[in-house]
C-alpha cells in the first residue's frame, strides 16, 4: 500500500515538473534594416506549441494590420519608421493555454 502511494506521488510530481510555462523569445540580431530588404524573424521560445506575431509601426504602415503564426517568417518593410514586433508564445496548440509575450524594436530606414 505504501509503495503504491509513493508511486502515485512520484508520478504526480513528474507530471507537474514537466508542465513548464512558455518562455517567449525572438531570435533576430537586426535592430535596423532598409526599406525593401527582407528581415527574418525566428521564435526561439521554449515550452510552446503555437505562436502569433504582430507589428505596430508608423500610421498607415501595412504591417499594423498583419499577423503571422509560423515559428519563423521573413517580411519586407515598405514604410520607414520604428516598429515594435510582438511575439505571443502559447503552451498549447491553437493559441490556447498559458501565454508568454516578448517584444523587439526594429527601425526601418
PDB file of N, CA and C in Angstrom:
ATOM      1  N   UNK A   1       0.821  -1.196   0.000  1.00  0.00           N
ATOM      2  CA  UNK A   1       0.000   0.000   0.000  1.00  0.00           C
ATOM      3  C   UNK A   1       0.864   1.258   0.000  1.00  0.00           C
ATOM      4  N   UNK A   2       1.901   1.274   0.843  1.00  0.00           N
ATOM      5  CA  UNK A   2       2.779   2.434   0.916  1.00  0.00           C
ATOM      6  C   UNK A   2       3.545   2.626  -0.391  1.00  0.00           C
ATOM      7  N   UNK A   3       3.944   1.509  -1.017  1.00  0.00           N
ATOM      8  CA  UNK A   3       4.661   1.599  -2.289  1.00  0.00           C
ATOM      9  C   UNK A   3       3.763   2.198  -3.362  1.00  0.00           C
ATOM     10  N   UNK A   4       2.504   1.826  -3.367  1.00  0.00           N
ATOM     11  CA  UNK A   4       1.556   2.373  -4.343  1.00  0.00           C
ATOM     12  C   UNK A   4       1.389   3.877  -4.118  1.00  0.00           C
ATOM     13  N   UNK A   5       1.331   4.302  -2.867  1.00  0.00           N
ATOM     14  CA  UNK A   5       1.227   5.725  -2.540  1.00  0.00           C
ATOM     15  C   UNK A   5       2.459   6.475  -3.040  1.00  0.00           C
ATOM     16  N   UNK A   6       3.651   5.943  -2.774  1.00  0.00           N
ATOM     17  CA  UNK A   6       4.885   6.585  -3.230  1.00  0.00           C
ATOM     18  C   UNK A   6       4.932   6.662  -4.753  1.00  0.00           C
ATOM     19  N   UNK A   7       4.486   5.613  -5.411  1.00  0.00           N
ATOM     20  CA  UNK A   7       4.468   5.606  -6.867  1.00  0.00           C
ATOM     21  C   UNK A   7       3.516   6.689  -7.385  1.00  0.00           C
ATOM     22  N   UNK A   8       2.346   6.788  -6.815  1.00  0.00           N
ATOM     23  CA  UNK A   8       1.363   7.790  -7.236  1.00  0.00           C
ATOM     24  C   UNK A   8       1.904   9.200  -7.019  1.00  0.00           C
ATOM     25  N   UNK A   9       2.495   9.455  -5.879  1.00  0.00           N
ATOM     26  CA  UNK A   9       3.072  10.766  -5.598  1.00  0.00           C
ATOM     27  C   UNK A   9       4.200  11.062  -6.582  1.00  0.00           C
ATOM     28  N   UNK A  10       5.035  10.094  -6.877  1.00  0.00           N
ATOM     29  CA  UNK A  10       6.144  10.282  -7.821  1.00  0.00           C
ATOM     30  C   UNK A  10       5.636  10.638  -9.206  1.00  0.00           C
ATOM     31  N   UNK A  11       4.616   9.946  -9.663  1.00  0.00           N
ATOM     32  CA  UNK A  11       4.043  10.225 -10.981  1.00  0.00           C
ATOM     33  C   UNK A  11       3.444  11.627 -11.011  1.00  0.00           C
ATOM     34  N   UNK A  12       2.728  12.017  -9.994  1.00  0.00           N
ATOM     35  CA  UNK A  12       2.137  13.346  -9.940  1.00  0.00           C
ATOM     36  C   UNK A  12       3.209  14.432  -9.941  1.00  0.00           C
ATOM     37  N   UNK A  13       4.270  14.245  -9.189  1.00  0.00           N
ATOM     38  CA  UNK A  13       5.363  15.218  -9.173  1.00  0.00           C
ATOM     39  C   UNK A  13       6.033  15.309 -10.536  1.00  0.00           C
ATOM     40  N   UNK A  14       6.205  14.185 -11.191  1.00  0.00           N
ATOM     41  CA  UNK A  14       6.808  14.173 -12.522  1.00  0.00           C
ATOM     42  C   UNK A  14       5.927  14.938 -13.509  1.00  0.00           C
ATOM     43  N   UNK A  15       4.611  14.717 -13.451  1.00  0.00           N
ATOM     44  CA  UNK A  15       3.697  15.417 -14.358  1.00  0.00           C
ATOM     45  C   UNK A  15       3.712  16.917 -14.121  1.00  0.00           C
ATOM     46  N   UNK A  16       3.753  17.336 -12.883  1.00  0.00           N
ATOM     47  CA  UNK A  16       3.787  18.761 -12.564  1.00  0.00           C
ATOM     48  C   UNK A  16       5.105  19.376 -13.020  1.00  0.00           C
ATOM     49  N   UNK A  17       6.205  18.682 -12.836  1.00  0.00           N
ATOM     50  CA  UNK A  17       7.517  19.201 -13.220  1.00  0.00           C
ATOM     51  C   UNK A  17       7.642  19.353 -14.735  1.00  0.00           C
ATOM     52  N   UNK A  18       6.957  18.522 -15.506  1.00  0.00           N
ATOM     53  CA  UNK A  18       7.035  18.579 -16.967  1.00  0.00           C
ATOM     54  C   UNK A  18       6.175  19.698 -17.549  1.00  0.00           C
ATOM     55  N   UNK A  19       5.268  20.233 -16.796  1.00  0.00           N
ATOM     56  CA  UNK A  19       4.373  21.275 -17.280  1.00  0.00           C
ATOM     57  C   UNK A  19       5.000  22.645 -17.023  1.00  0.00           C
ATOM     58  N   UNK A  20       6.004  22.984 -17.829  1.00  0.00           N
ATOM     59  CA  UNK A  20       6.713  24.248 -17.644  1.00  0.00           C
ATOM     60  C   UNK A  20       5.991  25.355 -18.393  1.00  0.00           C
ATOM     61  N   UNK A  21       6.000  26.568 -17.868  1.00  0.00           N
ATOM     62  CA  UNK A  21       5.335  27.688 -18.548  1.00  0.00           C
ATOM     63  C   UNK A  21       6.105  28.087 -19.803  1.00  0.00           C
ATOM     64  N   UNK A  22       5.414  28.649 -20.782  1.00  0.00           N
ATOM     65  CA  UNK A  22       6.090  29.080 -22.012  1.00  0.00           C
ATOM     66  C   UNK A  22       7.035  30.246 -21.741  1.00  0.00           C
ATOM     67  N   UNK A  23       8.078  30.324 -22.556  1.00  0.00           N
ATOM     68  CA  UNK A  23       9.039  31.422 -22.477  1.00  0.00           C
ATOM     69  C   UNK A  23       9.218  31.984 -23.884  1.00  0.00           C
ATOM     70  N   UNK A  24       8.630  33.131 -24.153  1.00  0.00           N
ATOM     71  CA  UNK A  24       8.713  33.751 -25.480  1.00  0.00           C
ATOM     72  C   UNK A  24      10.104  34.313 -25.718  1.00  0.00           C
ATOM     73  N   UNK A  25      10.588  34.159 -26.954  1.00  0.00           N
ATOM     74  CA  UNK A  25      11.928  34.614 -27.304  1.00  0.00           C
ATOM     75  C   UNK A  25      11.972  34.904 -28.803  1.00  0.00           C
ATOM     76  N   UNK A  26      12.509  36.060 -29.181  1.00  0.00           N
ATOM     77  CA  UNK A  26      12.690  36.420 -30.589  1.00  0.00           C
ATOM     78  C   UNK A  26      14.176  36.372 -30.898  1.00  0.00           C
ATOM     79  N   UNK A  27      14.533  35.584 -31.912  1.00  0.00           N
ATOM     80  CA  UNK A  27      15.929  35.480 -32.341  1.00  0.00           C
ATOM     81  C   UNK A  27      16.096  36.286 -33.628  1.00  0.00           C
ATOM     82  N   UNK A  28      16.499  37.536 -33.463  1.00  0.00           N
ATOM     83  CA  UNK A  28      16.714  38.422 -34.606  1.00  0.00           C
ATOM     84  C   UNK A  28      17.786  39.416 -34.201  1.00  0.00           C
ATOM     85  N   UNK A  29      18.953  39.297 -34.792  1.00  0.00           N
ATOM     86  CA  UNK A  29      20.054  40.163 -34.437  1.00  0.00           C
ATOM     87  C   UNK A  29      19.945  41.564 -35.012  1.00  0.00           C
ATOM     88  N   UNK A  30      18.938  41.797 -35.856  1.00  0.00           N
ATOM     89  CA  UNK A  30      18.801  43.094 -36.507  1.00  0.00           C
ATOM     90  C   UNK A  30      17.981  44.063 -35.666  1.00  0.00           C
ATOM     91  N   UNK A  31      18.502  45.264 -35.512  1.00  0.00           N
ATOM     92  CA  UNK A  31      17.729  46.332 -34.884  1.00  0.00           C
ATOM     93  C   UNK A  31      17.429  47.424 -35.898  1.00  0.00           C
ATOM     94  N   UNK A  32      18.092  47.357 -37.053  1.00  0.00           N
ATOM     95  CA  UNK A  32      17.813  48.284 -38.153  1.00  0.00           C
ATOM     96  C   UNK A  32      17.846  47.517 -39.465  1.00  0.00           C
ATOM     97  N   UNK A  33      17.101  48.029 -40.444  1.00  0.00           N
ATOM     98  CA  UNK A  33      17.079  47.451 -41.791  1.00  0.00           C
ATOM     99  C   UNK A  33      16.644  48.535 -42.757  1.00  0.00           C
ATOM    100  N   UNK A  34      16.844  48.294 -44.022  1.00  0.00           N
ATOM    101  CA  UNK A  34      16.454  49.252 -45.063  1.00  0.00           C
ATOM    102  C   UNK A  34      15.108  48.860 -45.654  1.00  0.00           C
ATOM    103  N   UNK A  35      14.353  49.882 -46.079  1.00  0.00           N
ATOM    104  CA  UNK A  35      13.100  49.627 -46.791  1.00  0.00           C
ATOM    105  C   UNK A  35      13.421  48.741 -47.994  1.00  0.00           C
ATOM    106  N   UNK A  36      12.606  47.725 -48.216  1.00  0.00           N
ATOM    107  CA  UNK A  36      12.788  46.831 -49.353  1.00  0.00           C
ATOM    108  C   UNK A  36      13.712  45.659 -49.102  1.00  0.00           C
ATOM    109  N   UNK A  37      14.385  45.625 -47.953  1.00  0.00           N
ATOM    110  CA  UNK A  37      15.255  44.496 -47.610  1.00  0.00           C
ATOM    111  C   UNK A  37      14.487  43.504 -46.748  1.00  0.00           C
ATOM    112  N   UNK A  38      14.555  42.212 -47.067  1.00  0.00           N
ATOM    113  CA  UNK A  38      13.861  41.227 -46.237  1.00  0.00           C
ATOM    114  C   UNK A  38      14.484  41.107 -44.848  1.00  0.00           C
ATOM    115  N   UNK A  39      13.634  40.970 -43.851  1.00  0.00           N
ATOM    116  CA  UNK A  39      14.061  40.809 -42.462  1.00  0.00           C
ATOM    117  C   UNK A  39      13.450  39.506 -41.952  1.00  0.00           C
ATOM    118  N   UNK A  40      14.280  38.652 -41.373  1.00  0.00           N
ATOM    119  CA  UNK A  40      13.801  37.369 -40.846  1.00  0.00           C
ATOM    120  C   UNK A  40      13.561  37.465 -39.346  1.00  0.00           C
ATOM    121  N   UNK A  41      12.480  36.841 -38.917  1.00  0.00           N
ATOM    122  CA  UNK A  41      12.128  36.756 -37.512  1.00  0.00           C
ATOM    123  C   UNK A  41      11.977  35.284 -37.160  1.00  0.00           C
ATOM    124  N   UNK A  42      12.611  34.871 -36.056  1.00  0.00           N
ATOM    125  CA  UNK A  42      12.589  33.468 -35.637  1.00  0.00           C
ATOM    126  C   UNK A  42      12.198  33.408 -34.167  1.00  0.00           C
ATOM    127  N   UNK A  43      11.269  32.514 -33.859  1.00  0.00           N
ATOM    128  CA  UNK A  43      10.909  32.281 -32.463  1.00  0.00           C
ATOM    129  C   UNK A  43      11.899  31.287 -31.865  1.00  0.00           C
ATOM    130  N   UNK A  44      12.563  31.689 -30.790  1.00  0.00           N
ATOM    131  CA  UNK A  44      13.444  30.784 -30.048  1.00  0.00           C
ATOM    132  C   UNK A  44      12.775  30.443 -28.703  1.00  0.00           C
ATOM    133  N   UNK A  45      11.453  30.505 -28.710  1.00  0.00           N
ATOM    134  CA  UNK A  45      10.666  30.275 -27.497  1.00  0.00           C
ATOM    135  C   UNK A  45      10.807  28.838 -27.008  1.00  0.00           C
ATOM    136  N   UNK A  46      10.597  28.656 -25.717  1.00  0.00           N
ATOM    137  CA  UNK A  46      10.680  27.335 -25.097  1.00  0.00           C
ATOM    138  C   UNK A  46       9.325  26.966 -24.511  1.00  0.00           C
ATOM    139  N   UNK A  47       9.044  25.677 -24.519  1.00  0.00           N
ATOM    140  CA  UNK A  47       7.839  25.111 -23.911  1.00  0.00           C
ATOM    141  C   UNK A  47       6.572  25.660 -24.566  1.00  0.00           C
ATOM    142  N   UNK A  48       6.589  25.799 -25.886  1.00  0.00           N
ATOM    143  CA  UNK A  48       5.445  26.353 -26.615  1.00  0.00           C
ATOM    144  C   UNK A  48       5.019  25.419 -27.745  1.00  0.00           C
ATOM    145  N   UNK A  49       3.748  25.496 -28.095  1.00  0.00           N
ATOM    146  CA  UNK A  49       3.215  24.714 -29.206  1.00  0.00           C
ATOM    147  C   UNK A  49       2.590  25.574 -30.295  1.00  0.00           C
ATOM    148  N   UNK A  50       2.386  26.850 -30.030  1.00  0.00           N
ATOM    149  CA  UNK A  50       1.887  27.766 -31.059  1.00  0.00           C
ATOM    150  C   UNK A  50       2.329  29.182 -30.718  1.00  0.00           C
ATOM    151  N   UNK A  51       2.323  30.032 -31.725  1.00  0.00           N
ATOM    152  CA  UNK A  51       2.730  31.413 -31.532  1.00  0.00           C
ATOM    153  C   UNK A  51       2.022  32.308 -32.527  1.00  0.00           C
ATOM    154  N   UNK A  52       1.913  33.586 -32.179  1.00  0.00           N
ATOM    155  CA  UNK A  52       1.436  34.580 -33.139  1.00  0.00           C
ATOM    156  C   UNK A  52       2.266  35.844 -32.990  1.00  0.00           C
ATOM    157  N   UNK A  53       2.454  36.502 -34.125  1.00  0.00           N
ATOM    158  CA  UNK A  53       3.287  37.696 -34.230  1.00  0.00           C
ATOM    159  C   UNK A  53       2.439  38.863 -34.701  1.00  0.00           C
ATOM    160  N   UNK A  54       2.726  40.042 -34.185  1.00  0.00           N
ATOM    161  CA  UNK A  54       2.072  41.270 -34.621  1.00  0.00           C
ATOM    162  C   UNK A  54       3.108  42.386 -34.655  1.00  0.00           C
ATOM    163  N   UNK A  55       2.828  43.404 -35.449  1.00  0.00           N
ATOM    164  CA  UNK A  55       3.705  44.565 -35.503  1.00  0.00           C
ATOM    165  C   UNK A  55       2.880  45.828 -35.366  1.00  0.00           C
ATOM    166  N   UNK A  56       3.484  46.821 -34.764  1.00  0.00           N
ATOM    167  CA  UNK A  56       2.880  48.151 -34.767  1.00  0.00           C
ATOM    168  C   UNK A  56       3.981  49.129 -35.153  1.00  0.00           C
ATOM    169  N   UNK A  57       3.627  50.015 -36.061  1.00  0.00           N
ATOM    170  CA  UNK A  57       4.613  50.953 -36.573  1.00  0.00           C
ATOM    171  C   UNK A  57       3.969  52.282 -36.905  1.00  0.00           C
ATOM    172  N   UNK A  58       4.577  52.991 -37.844  1.00  0.00           N
ATOM    173  CA  UNK A  58       4.064  54.311 -38.218  1.00  0.00           C
ATOM    174  C   UNK A  58       2.617  54.225 -38.721  1.00  0.00           C
ATOM    175  N   UNK A  59       1.885  55.307 -38.547  1.00  0.00           N
ATOM    176  CA  UNK A  59       0.499  55.359 -39.031  1.00  0.00           C
ATOM    177  C   UNK A  59       0.463  55.044 -40.522  1.00  0.00           C
ATOM    178  N   UNK A  60      -0.459  54.191 -40.911  1.00  0.00           N
ATOM    179  CA  UNK A  60      -0.638  53.837 -42.313  1.00  0.00           C
ATOM    180  C   UNK A  60       0.243  52.712 -42.808  1.00  0.00           C
ATOM    181  N   UNK A  61       1.177  52.237 -42.002  1.00  0.00           N
ATOM    182  CA  UNK A  61       2.037  51.125 -42.426  1.00  0.00           C
ATOM    183  C   UNK A  61       1.201  49.857 -42.530  1.00  0.00           C
ATOM    184  N   UNK A  62       1.321  49.118 -43.640  1.00  0.00           N
ATOM    185  CA  UNK A  62       0.517  47.899 -43.798  1.00  0.00           C
ATOM    186  C   UNK A  62       0.792  46.865 -42.712  1.00  0.00           C
ATOM    187  N   UNK A  63       1.960  46.905 -42.116  1.00  0.00           N
ATOM    188  CA  UNK A  63       2.309  45.939 -41.068  1.00  0.00           C
ATOM    189  C   UNK A  63       1.396  46.046 -39.851  1.00  0.00           C
ATOM    190  N   UNK A  64       0.781  47.201 -39.649  1.00  0.00           N
ATOM    191  CA  UNK A  64      -0.106  47.400 -38.499  1.00  0.00           C
ATOM    192  C   UNK A  64      -1.340  46.507 -38.544  1.00  0.00           C
ATOM    193  N   UNK A  65      -1.663  45.960 -39.708  1.00  0.00           N
ATOM    194  CA  UNK A  65      -2.849  45.104 -39.839  1.00  0.00           C
ATOM    195  C   UNK A  65      -2.484  43.661 -40.147  1.00  0.00           C
ATOM    196  N   UNK A  66      -1.200  43.321 -40.118  1.00  0.00           N
ATOM    197  CA  UNK A  66      -0.756  41.966 -40.459  1.00  0.00           C
ATOM    198  C   UNK A  66      -0.498  41.148 -39.205  1.00  0.00           C
ATOM    199  N   UNK A  67      -0.477  39.841 -39.394  1.00  0.00           N
ATOM    200  CA  UNK A  67      -0.124  38.916 -38.325  1.00  0.00           C
ATOM    201  C   UNK A  67       0.441  37.642 -38.926  1.00  0.00           C
ATOM    202  N   UNK A  68       1.256  36.949 -38.159  1.00  0.00           N
ATOM    203  CA  UNK A  68       1.878  35.710 -38.605  1.00  0.00           C
ATOM    204  C   UNK A  68       1.740  34.680 -37.503  1.00  0.00           C
ATOM    205  N   UNK A  69       1.712  33.387 -37.879  1.00  0.00           N
ATOM    206  CA  UNK A  69       1.609  32.337 -36.869  1.00  0.00           C
ATOM    207  C   UNK A  69       2.676  31.258 -37.030  1.00  0.00           C
ATOM    208  N   UNK A  70       3.610  31.450 -37.940  1.00  0.00           N
ATOM    209  CA  UNK A  70       4.696  30.482 -38.119  1.00  0.00           C
ATOM    210  C   UNK A  70       5.793  30.731 -37.084  1.00  0.00           C
ATOM    211  N   UNK A  71       6.596  29.707 -36.822  1.00  0.00           N
ATOM    212  CA  UNK A  71       7.706  29.854 -35.891  1.00  0.00           C
ATOM    213  C   UNK A  71       8.768  30.800 -36.445  1.00  0.00           C
ATOM    214  N   UNK A  72       8.826  30.920 -37.761  1.00  0.00           N
ATOM    215  CA  UNK A  72       9.732  31.879 -38.382  1.00  0.00           C
ATOM    216  C   UNK A  72       9.106  32.396 -39.671  1.00  0.00           C
ATOM    217  N   UNK A  73       9.433  33.628 -40.001  1.00  0.00           N
ATOM    218  CA  UNK A  73       8.932  34.230 -41.228  1.00  0.00           C
ATOM    219  C   UNK A  73       9.870  35.340 -41.654  1.00  0.00           C
ATOM    220  N   UNK A  74       9.759  35.732 -42.911  1.00  0.00           N
ATOM    221  CA  UNK A  74      10.537  36.841 -43.446  1.00  0.00           C
ATOM    222  C   UNK A  74       9.566  37.885 -43.951  1.00  0.00           C
ATOM    223  N   UNK A  75       9.874  39.144 -43.668  1.00  0.00           N
ATOM    224  CA  UNK A  75       8.995  40.229 -44.091  1.00  0.00           C
ATOM    225  C   UNK A  75       9.839  41.355 -44.681  1.00  0.00           C
ATOM    226  N   UNK A  76       9.309  41.995 -45.720  1.00  0.00           N
ATOM    227  CA  UNK A  76       9.952  43.144 -46.340  1.00  0.00           C
ATOM    228  C   UNK A  76       9.128  44.382 -46.021  1.00  0.00           C
ATOM    229  N   UNK A  77       9.710  45.311 -45.296  1.00  0.00           N
ATOM    230  CA  UNK A  77       9.020  46.530 -44.878  1.00  0.00           C
ATOM    231  C   UNK A  77       8.978  47.526 -46.043  1.00  0.00           C
ATOM    232  N   UNK A  78       7.869  48.267 -46.134  1.00  0.00           N
ATOM    233  CA  UNK A  78       7.683  49.232 -47.221  1.00  0.00           C
ATOM    234  C   UNK A  78       7.601  50.675 -46.733  1.00  0.00           C
ATOM    235  N   UNK A  79       7.548  50.867 -45.422  1.00  0.00           N
ATOM    236  CA  UNK A  79       7.415  52.202 -44.848  1.00  0.00           C
ATOM    237  C   UNK A  79       8.521  52.386 -43.801  1.00  0.00           C
ATOM    238  N   UNK A  80       9.226  53.532 -43.874  1.00  0.00           N
ATOM    239  CA  UNK A  80      10.265  53.804 -42.881  1.00  0.00           C
ATOM    240  C   UNK A  80       9.638  54.128 -41.527  1.00  0.00           C
ATOM    241  N   UNK A  81      10.421  53.899 -40.468  1.00  0.00           N
ATOM    242  CA  UNK A  81       9.963  54.223 -39.125  1.00  0.00           C
ATOM    243  C   UNK A  81      10.372  53.152 -38.132  1.00  0.00           C
ATOM    244  N   UNK A  82       9.907  53.308 -36.921  1.00  0.00           N
ATOM    245  CA  UNK A  82      10.208  52.365 -35.847  1.00  0.00           C
ATOM    246  C   UNK A  82       9.010  51.449 -35.639  1.00  0.00           C
ATOM    247  N   UNK A  83       9.280  50.153 -35.559  1.00  0.00           N
ATOM    248  CA  UNK A  83       8.254  49.137 -35.391  1.00  0.00           C
ATOM    249  C   UNK A  83       8.505  48.362 -34.104  1.00  0.00           C
ATOM    250  N   UNK A  84       7.438  48.005 -33.426  1.00  0.00           N
ATOM    251  CA  UNK A  84       7.519  47.111 -32.282  1.00  0.00           C
ATOM    252  C   UNK A  84       6.942  45.772 -32.734  1.00  0.00           C
ATOM    253  N   UNK A  85       7.778  44.748 -32.678  1.00  0.00           N
ATOM    254  CA  UNK A  85       7.372  43.392 -33.062  1.00  0.00           C
ATOM    255  C   UNK A  85       7.009  42.654 -31.782  1.00  0.00           C
ATOM    256  N   UNK A  86       5.817  42.088 -31.732  1.00  0.00           N
ATOM    257  CA  UNK A  86       5.327  41.371 -30.560  1.00  0.00           C
ATOM    258  C   UNK A  86       5.157  39.900 -30.893  1.00  0.00           C
ATOM    259  N   UNK A  87       5.693  39.039 -30.047  1.00  0.00           N
ATOM    260  CA  UNK A  87       5.522  37.598 -30.173  1.00  0.00           C
ATOM    261  C   UNK A  87       4.796  37.091 -28.938  1.00  0.00           C
ATOM    262  N   UNK A  88       3.672  36.416 -29.168  1.00  0.00           N
ATOM    263  CA  UNK A  88       2.951  35.720 -28.098  1.00  0.00           C
ATOM    264  C   UNK A  88       3.213  34.232 -28.282  1.00  0.00           C
ATOM    265  N   UNK A  89       3.754  33.578 -27.275  1.00  0.00           N
ATOM    266  CA  UNK A  89       4.048  32.143 -27.318  1.00  0.00           C
ATOM    267  C   UNK A  89       3.096  31.428 -26.365  1.00  0.00           C
ATOM    268  N   UNK A  90       2.413  30.406 -26.880  1.00  0.00           N
ATOM    269  CA  UNK A  90       1.374  29.702 -26.125  1.00  0.00           C
ATOM    270  C   UNK A  90       1.825  28.283 -25.786  1.00  0.00           C
ATOM    271  N   UNK A  91       1.399  27.791 -24.643  1.00  0.00           N
ATOM    272  CA  UNK A  91       1.777  26.447 -24.206  1.00  0.00           C
ATOM    273  C   UNK A  91       1.010  25.349 -24.932  1.00  0.00           C
ATOM    274  N   UNK A  92      -0.095  25.695 -25.592  1.00  0.00           N
ATOM    275  CA  UNK A  92      -0.904  24.687 -26.295  1.00  0.00           C
ATOM    276  C   UNK A  92      -1.129  25.118 -27.735  1.00  0.00           C
ATOM    277  N   UNK A  93      -1.595  24.158 -28.551  1.00  0.00           N
ATOM    278  CA  UNK A  93      -1.921  24.461 -29.941  1.00  0.00           C
ATOM    279  C   UNK A  93      -3.106  25.416 -30.026  1.00  0.00           C
ATOM    280  N   UNK A  94      -3.264  26.050 -31.170  1.00  0.00           N
ATOM    281  CA  UNK A  94      -4.399  26.921 -31.477  1.00  0.00           C
ATOM    282  C   UNK A  94      -4.476  28.140 -30.564  1.00  0.00           C
ATOM    283  N   UNK A  95      -3.321  28.635 -30.136  1.00  0.00           N
ATOM    284  CA  UNK A  95      -3.243  29.862 -29.343  1.00  0.00           C
ATOM    285  C   UNK A  95      -3.995  29.734 -28.016  1.00  0.00           C
ATOM    286  N   UNK A  96      -3.843  28.580 -27.383  1.00  0.00           N
ATOM    287  CA  UNK A  96      -4.502  28.309 -26.104  1.00  0.00           C
ATOM    288  C   UNK A  96      -3.462  28.037 -25.023  1.00  0.00           C
ATOM    289  N   UNK A  97      -3.909  28.034 -23.794  1.00  0.00           N
ATOM    290  CA  UNK A  97      -3.033  27.725 -22.669  1.00  0.00           C
ATOM    291  C   UNK A  97      -2.338  28.970 -22.159  1.00  0.00           C
ATOM    292  N   UNK A  98      -1.315  28.727 -21.377  1.00  0.00           N
ATOM    293  CA  UNK A  98      -0.532  29.841 -20.833  1.00  0.00           C
ATOM    294  C   UNK A  98       0.141  30.577 -21.982  1.00  0.00           C
ATOM    295  N   UNK A  99       0.345  31.884 -21.802  1.00  0.00           N
ATOM    296  CA  UNK A  99       0.973  32.700 -22.837  1.00  0.00           C
ATOM    297  C   UNK A  99       2.120  33.499 -22.234  1.00  0.00           C
ATOM    298  N   UNK A 100       3.168  33.630 -23.021  1.00  0.00           N
ATOM    299  CA  UNK A 100       4.306  34.488 -22.666  1.00  0.00           C
ATOM    300  C   UNK A 100       4.502  35.443 -23.831  1.00  0.00           C
ATOM    301  N   UNK A 101       4.757  36.697 -23.536  1.00  0.00           N
ATOM    302  CA  UNK A 101       4.875  37.724 -24.575  1.00  0.00           C
ATOM    303  C   UNK A 101       6.228  38.418 -24.466  1.00  0.00           C
ATOM    304  N   UNK A 102       6.816  38.682 -25.627  1.00  0.00           N
ATOM    305  CA  UNK A 102       8.038  39.465 -25.690  1.00  0.00           C
ATOM    306  C   UNK A 102       7.952  40.413 -26.875  1.00  0.00           C
ATOM    307  N   UNK A 103       8.730  41.478 -26.841  1.00  0.00           N
ATOM    308  CA  UNK A 103       8.731  42.442 -27.938  1.00  0.00           C
ATOM    309  C   UNK A 103      10.164  42.754 -28.358  1.00  0.00           C
ATOM    310  N   UNK A 104      10.275  43.264 -29.560  1.00  0.00           N
ATOM    311  CA  UNK A 104      11.554  43.720 -30.085  1.00  0.00           C
ATOM    312  C   UNK A 104      11.288  44.947 -30.947  1.00  0.00           C
ATOM    313  N   UNK A 105      12.161  45.910 -30.878  1.00  0.00           N
ATOM    314  CA  UNK A 105      12.017  47.122 -31.688  1.00  0.00           C
ATOM    315  C   UNK A 105      12.998  47.057 -32.854  1.00  0.00           C
ATOM    316  N   UNK A 106      12.498  47.427 -34.041  1.00  0.00           N
ATOM    317  CA  UNK A 106      13.338  47.477 -35.225  1.00  0.00           C
ATOM    318  C   UNK A 106      13.059  48.792 -35.956  1.00  0.00           C
ATOM    319  N   UNK A 107      14.104  49.442 -36.400  1.00  0.00           N
ATOM    320  CA  UNK A 107      13.978  50.700 -37.129  1.00  0.00           C
ATOM    321  C   UNK A 107      14.232  50.452 -38.607  1.00  0.00           C
ATOM    322  N   UNK A 108      13.303  50.883 -39.441  1.00  0.00           N
ATOM    323  CA  UNK A 108      13.419  50.729 -40.891  1.00  0.00           C
ATOM    324  C   UNK A 108      13.783  52.081 -41.460  1.00  0.00           C
ATOM    325  N   UNK A 109      14.878  52.119 -42.222  1.00  0.00           N
ATOM    326  CA  UNK A 109      15.392  53.369 -42.781  1.00  0.00           C
ATOM    327  C   UNK A 109      15.179  53.439 -44.277  1.00  0.00           C
TER     328      UNK A 109
END
